Amino acid sequence: MPARLSSPPSARERPTGSALRRTPEQRALLSQIEQVAQGLAATFAPFCEVVVHDLLDPKHAILAIHNNLSGRSVGDPTTELGLARIADPDYPQVIANYANHFADGRQAKSTSVGIKDASGHYIAALCLNVDLTLFRSLQSVVGQFTATDGKTGLQESLDPAGAEAIRQRIDQFAARLSSAPRALKAAERRALLRELKASGSLEVRRAMEVVAQHLGVSRATVYGDAK
């Protein structure tokens, strides 16, 4: 089970001496992971906590913590997930988007990436913990804003009559060419316009505007293709 993002009673100083001996490869990996953590933290601030765990020193595992949301400190021990990786080299290397929570009850979404050395043993973990509080509030606000009243029984469309049929014909034409409407070349657009004209689709009100919008080109281009 993923560990709760709690803060221990007190922060510990990282040990010195033999407890911190690392191979050159392990030191290089830890250094690079810290750089990656800094970049991720800067990109997703302030909603995402990014933590680097040194699994070779589980009792004082936290090497770095950016955008601190959990109240933990450098030198604090690793989580239960970290201990599970230490005990089992076959433990999943990436565990993404699992439900978690901070010590104060705030909901979080977490991702943990285990880092192995050349021998296949876990030496570190890079963990991201996203505070969902604000996003859940925004979700509620957006849901309320976009809600419509179905009790009125009224339905209205601001789309010109027949516009959806034109879009469907364009989609079908592009599909026959294994393409997408906005990827059609000039010669293909001209063939499309001939087909639309022959079907009477261009007689629909604002047909050229609908075609231009769906193809992602200007109306002038559509008029030129239709000549």
Protein backbone atom coordinates (compact mmCIF):
# COMPACT_ATOMS: atom_id res chain seq x y z
CA MET A 1 0.00 0.00 0.00
CA PRO A 2 1.32 3.51 -0.80
CA ALA A 3 2.40 5.35 2.31
CA ARG A 4 0.54 8.27 3.79
CA LEU A 5 2.34 11.56 3.21
CA SER A 6 2.87 12.33 6.87
CA SER A 7 5.49 14.29 8.75
CA PRO A 8 7.54 12.46 11.43
CA PRO A 9 7.93 13.98 14.90
CA SER A 10 11.27 15.63 14.04
CA ALA A 11 13.67 15.99 11.15
CA ARG A 12 16.93 14.08 11.29
CA GLU A 13 20.38 15.13 10.17
CA ARG A 14 21.78 13.04 7.34
CA PRO A 15 24.54 10.70 8.55
CA THR A 16 28.14 11.05 7.51
CA GLY A 17 31.00 8.64 6.98
CA SER A 18 30.63 5.06 5.87
CA ALA A 19 26.83 5.17 5.84
CA LEU A 20 26.97 7.53 2.87
CA ARG A 21 29.46 5.62 0.71
CA ARG A 22 28.25 5.40 -2.88
CA THR A 23 29.71 4.04 -6.08
CA PRO A 24 30.47 6.66 -8.75
CA GLU A 25 27.50 5.38 -10.74
CA GLN A 26 25.14 5.72 -7.78
CA ARG A 27 26.35 9.23 -6.99
CA ALA A 28 25.86 10.25 -10.61
CA LEU A 29 22.35 8.82 -10.71
CA LEU A 30 21.35 10.58 -7.50
CA SER A 31 22.75 13.86 -8.79
CA GLN A 32 20.84 13.59 -12.06
CA ILE A 33 17.60 12.68 -10.29
CA GLU A 34 17.90 15.82 -8.16
CA GLN A 35 18.21 17.89 -11.34
CA VAL A 36 15.12 16.24 -12.82
CA ALA A 37 13.24 16.91 -9.58
CA GLN A 38 14.12 20.61 -9.72
CA GLY A 39 12.84 20.87 -13.27
CA LEU A 40 9.57 19.08 -12.51
CA ALA A 41 9.01 21.16 -9.40
CA ALA A 42 9.52 24.41 -11.27
CA THR A 43 7.13 23.30 -14.02
CA PHE A 44 4.29 22.15 -11.76
CA ALA A 45 4.64 24.62 -8.86
CA PRO A 46 2.88 25.20 -6.57
CA PHE A 47 0.49 22.26 -6.83
CA CYS A 48 2.95 19.38 -7.04
CA GLU A 49 5.41 18.30 -4.36
CA VAL A 50 8.50 16.59 -5.80
CA VAL A 51 10.62 14.40 -3.53
CA VAL A 52 13.90 12.57 -4.11
CA HIS A 53 14.39 9.48 -1.93
CA ASP A 54 17.80 7.87 -1.41
CA LEU A 55 16.84 4.23 -0.92
CA LEU A 56 20.40 3.32 0.06
CA ASP A 57 19.82 5.23 3.29
CA PRO A 58 16.15 4.50 4.13
CA LYS A 59 16.24 5.95 7.66
CA HIS A 60 17.32 9.35 6.29
CA ALA A 61 16.09 8.94 2.75
CA ILE A 62 14.78 12.33 1.67
CA LEU A 63 17.56 14.02 -0.29
CA ALA A 64 15.44 16.87 -1.62
CA ILE A 65 11.88 18.08 -1.34
CA HIS A 66 10.49 20.82 -3.58
CA ASN A 67 7.16 22.65 -3.28
CA ASN A 68 6.80 21.12 0.16
CA LEU A 69 3.15 20.20 0.70
CA SER A 70 3.51 17.35 3.18
CA GLY A 71 5.55 19.09 5.87
CA ARG A 72 8.41 16.60 5.63
CA SER A 73 12.09 17.56 5.71
CA VAL A 74 15.40 16.58 4.17
CA GLY A 75 16.76 13.66 6.18
CA ASP A 76 13.35 12.16 6.97
CA PRO A 77 12.85 8.41 6.42
CA THR A 78 11.44 6.82 3.29
CA THR A 79 7.82 5.74 2.90
CA GLU A 80 6.39 2.21 3.02
CA LEU A 81 6.54 2.15 -0.78
CA GLY A 82 10.26 2.89 -0.62
CA LEU A 83 10.82 0.10 1.86
CA ALA A 84 8.91 -2.27 -0.41
CA ARG A 85 11.23 -1.43 -3.30
CA ILE A 86 14.29 -1.95 -1.14
CA ALA A 87 13.02 -5.39 -0.15
CA ASP A 88 12.05 -6.47 -3.66
CA PRO A 89 14.01 -5.54 -6.83
CA ASP A 90 11.04 -6.83 -8.85
CA TYR A 91 8.66 -4.31 -7.27
CA PRO A 92 7.01 -2.18 -10.02
CA GLN A 93 9.32 0.58 -11.17
CA VAL A 94 6.55 3.04 -12.01
CA ILE A 95 3.37 3.44 -9.96
CA ALA A 96 1.37 6.28 -11.47
CA ASN A 97 -1.61 8.34 -10.34
CA TYR A 98 -2.49 6.43 -7.19
CA ALA A 99 -4.74 7.92 -4.51
CA ASN A 100 -2.92 9.33 -1.52
CA HIS A 101 -3.45 11.94 1.19
CA PHE A 102 -1.44 14.36 3.27
CA ALA A 103 -1.24 14.22 7.06
CA ASP A 104 -3.91 16.91 7.41
CA GLY A 105 -6.38 14.93 5.30
CA ARG A 106 -5.98 16.74 1.99
CA GLN A 107 -6.45 14.40 -0.95
CA ALA A 108 -3.48 13.86 -3.24
CA LYS A 109 -2.62 12.06 -6.45
CA SER A 110 0.83 10.51 -6.42
CA THR A 111 3.29 8.98 -8.84
CA SER A 112 6.44 7.15 -7.77
CA VAL A 113 9.30 6.21 -10.08
CA GLY A 114 11.94 3.81 -8.80
CA ILE A 115 15.52 4.22 -10.04
CA LYS A 116 17.82 1.19 -10.36
CA ASP A 117 21.57 1.02 -10.76
CA ALA A 118 23.40 -1.22 -13.23
CA SER A 119 23.10 -4.18 -10.87
CA GLY A 120 19.30 -3.94 -10.97
CA HIS A 121 18.85 -2.81 -7.38
CA TYR A 122 16.73 0.16 -6.38
CA ILE A 123 18.87 3.03 -5.19
CA ALA A 124 16.43 5.95 -5.36
CA ALA A 125 12.86 7.03 -6.02
CA LEU A 126 11.40 10.17 -7.56
CA CYS A 127 7.96 10.93 -6.17
CA LEU A 128 5.34 13.48 -7.25
CA ASN A 129 2.42 14.36 -4.97
CA VAL A 130 -0.30 16.61 -6.40
CA ASP A 131 -2.61 18.46 -4.02
CA LEU A 132 -6.11 17.88 -5.42
CA THR A 133 -7.86 20.39 -3.16
CA LEU A 134 -7.86 23.30 -5.60
CA PHE A 135 -8.60 21.11 -8.61
CA ARG A 136 -11.62 19.53 -6.90
CA SER A 137 -12.93 23.04 -6.13
CA LEU A 138 -12.38 24.12 -9.73
CA GLN A 139 -14.11 20.97 -10.95
CA SER A 140 -17.15 21.84 -8.86
CA VAL A 141 -17.22 25.43 -10.08
CA VAL A 142 -16.86 24.43 -13.73
CA GLY A 143 -19.55 21.78 -13.35
CA GLN A 144 -21.94 24.35 -11.90
CA PHE A 145 -21.12 26.90 -14.61
CA THR A 146 -21.63 24.44 -17.50
CA ALA A 147 -24.82 22.91 -16.13
CA THR A 148 -28.00 23.48 -18.15
CA ASP A 149 -31.63 23.35 -17.08
CA GLY A 150 -33.30 20.37 -18.74
CA LYS A 151 -36.63 21.13 -17.07
CA THR A 152 -37.52 23.90 -19.52
CA GLY A 153 -38.02 21.45 -22.37
CA LEU A 154 -36.46 23.97 -24.75
CA GLN A 155 -33.78 22.99 -27.27
CA GLU A 156 -32.07 25.43 -29.58
CA SER A 157 -29.12 25.31 -31.94
CA LEU A 158 -27.07 28.30 -33.03
CA ASP A 159 -25.64 26.19 -35.85
CA PRO A 160 -26.96 26.85 -39.37
CA ALA A 161 -29.43 24.22 -40.52
CA GLY A 162 -27.59 21.47 -42.38
CA ALA A 163 -24.15 22.45 -41.04
CA GLU A 164 -23.65 19.14 -39.24
CA ALA A 165 -24.47 17.22 -42.42
CA ILE A 166 -21.76 19.19 -44.25
CA ARG A 167 -19.22 18.35 -41.54
CA GLN A 168 -20.13 14.68 -41.74
CA ARG A 169 -19.67 14.67 -45.53
CA ILE A 170 -16.26 16.30 -45.10
CA ASP A 171 -15.26 13.75 -42.44
CA GLN A 172 -16.37 10.88 -44.67
CA PHE A 173 -14.45 12.28 -47.63
CA ALA A 174 -11.27 12.64 -45.55
CA ALA A 175 -11.71 9.14 -44.09
CA ARG A 176 -11.82 7.65 -47.59
CA LEU A 177 -8.38 9.17 -48.13
CA SER A 178 -7.14 7.95 -44.72
CA SER A 179 -6.70 11.57 -43.79
CA ALA A 180 -8.25 14.25 -41.59
CA PRO A 181 -10.21 17.31 -42.78
CA ARG A 182 -7.47 19.76 -41.78
CA ALA A 183 -4.80 17.64 -43.47
CA LEU A 184 -6.38 17.66 -46.93
CA LYS A 185 -4.16 19.01 -49.72
CA ALA A 186 -5.31 21.62 -52.23
CA ALA A 187 -6.23 19.09 -54.93
CA GLU A 188 -8.13 17.02 -52.38
CA ARG A 189 -10.01 20.09 -51.16
CA ARG A 190 -11.03 20.91 -54.74
CA ALA A 191 -12.35 17.37 -55.20
CA LEU A 192 -14.22 17.71 -51.92
CA LEU A 193 -15.83 20.98 -53.00
CA ARG A 194 -16.95 19.40 -56.26
CA GLU A 195 -18.54 16.58 -54.30
CA LEU A 196 -20.27 18.96 -51.90
CA LYS A 197 -21.57 21.07 -54.77
CA ALA A 198 -22.93 18.03 -56.60
CA SER A 199 -24.79 16.91 -53.47
CA GLY A 200 -26.37 20.33 -52.99
CA SER A 201 -24.58 20.84 -49.68
CA LEU A 202 -23.23 24.23 -50.71
CA GLU A 203 -26.80 25.54 -50.98
CA VAL A 204 -27.03 25.49 -47.17
CA ARG A 205 -26.93 28.90 -45.51
CA ARG A 206 -23.34 29.89 -44.60
CA ALA A 207 -22.11 26.64 -46.16
CA MET A 208 -18.77 28.10 -47.24
CA GLU A 209 -18.11 29.39 -43.73
CA VAL A 210 -18.92 25.96 -42.25
CA VAL A 211 -16.57 24.27 -44.74
CA ALA A 212 -13.78 26.77 -44.07
CA GLN A 213 -14.03 26.31 -40.30
CA HIS A 214 -14.04 22.52 -40.53
CA LEU A 215 -11.08 22.44 -42.91
CA GLY A 216 -9.15 25.03 -40.92
CA VAL A 217 -8.68 27.36 -43.91
CA SER A 218 -9.96 30.80 -44.86
CA ARG A 219 -13.24 31.37 -46.68
CA ALA A 220 -11.24 32.88 -49.53
CA THR A 221 -9.40 29.56 -49.89
CA VAL A 222 -12.68 27.65 -49.98
CA TYR A 223 -14.14 29.99 -52.62
CA GLY A 224 -10.96 29.53 -54.65
CA ASP A 225 -11.17 25.73 -54.34
CA ALA A 226 -14.81 25.81 -55.40
CA LYS A 227 -14.12 27.56 -58.74
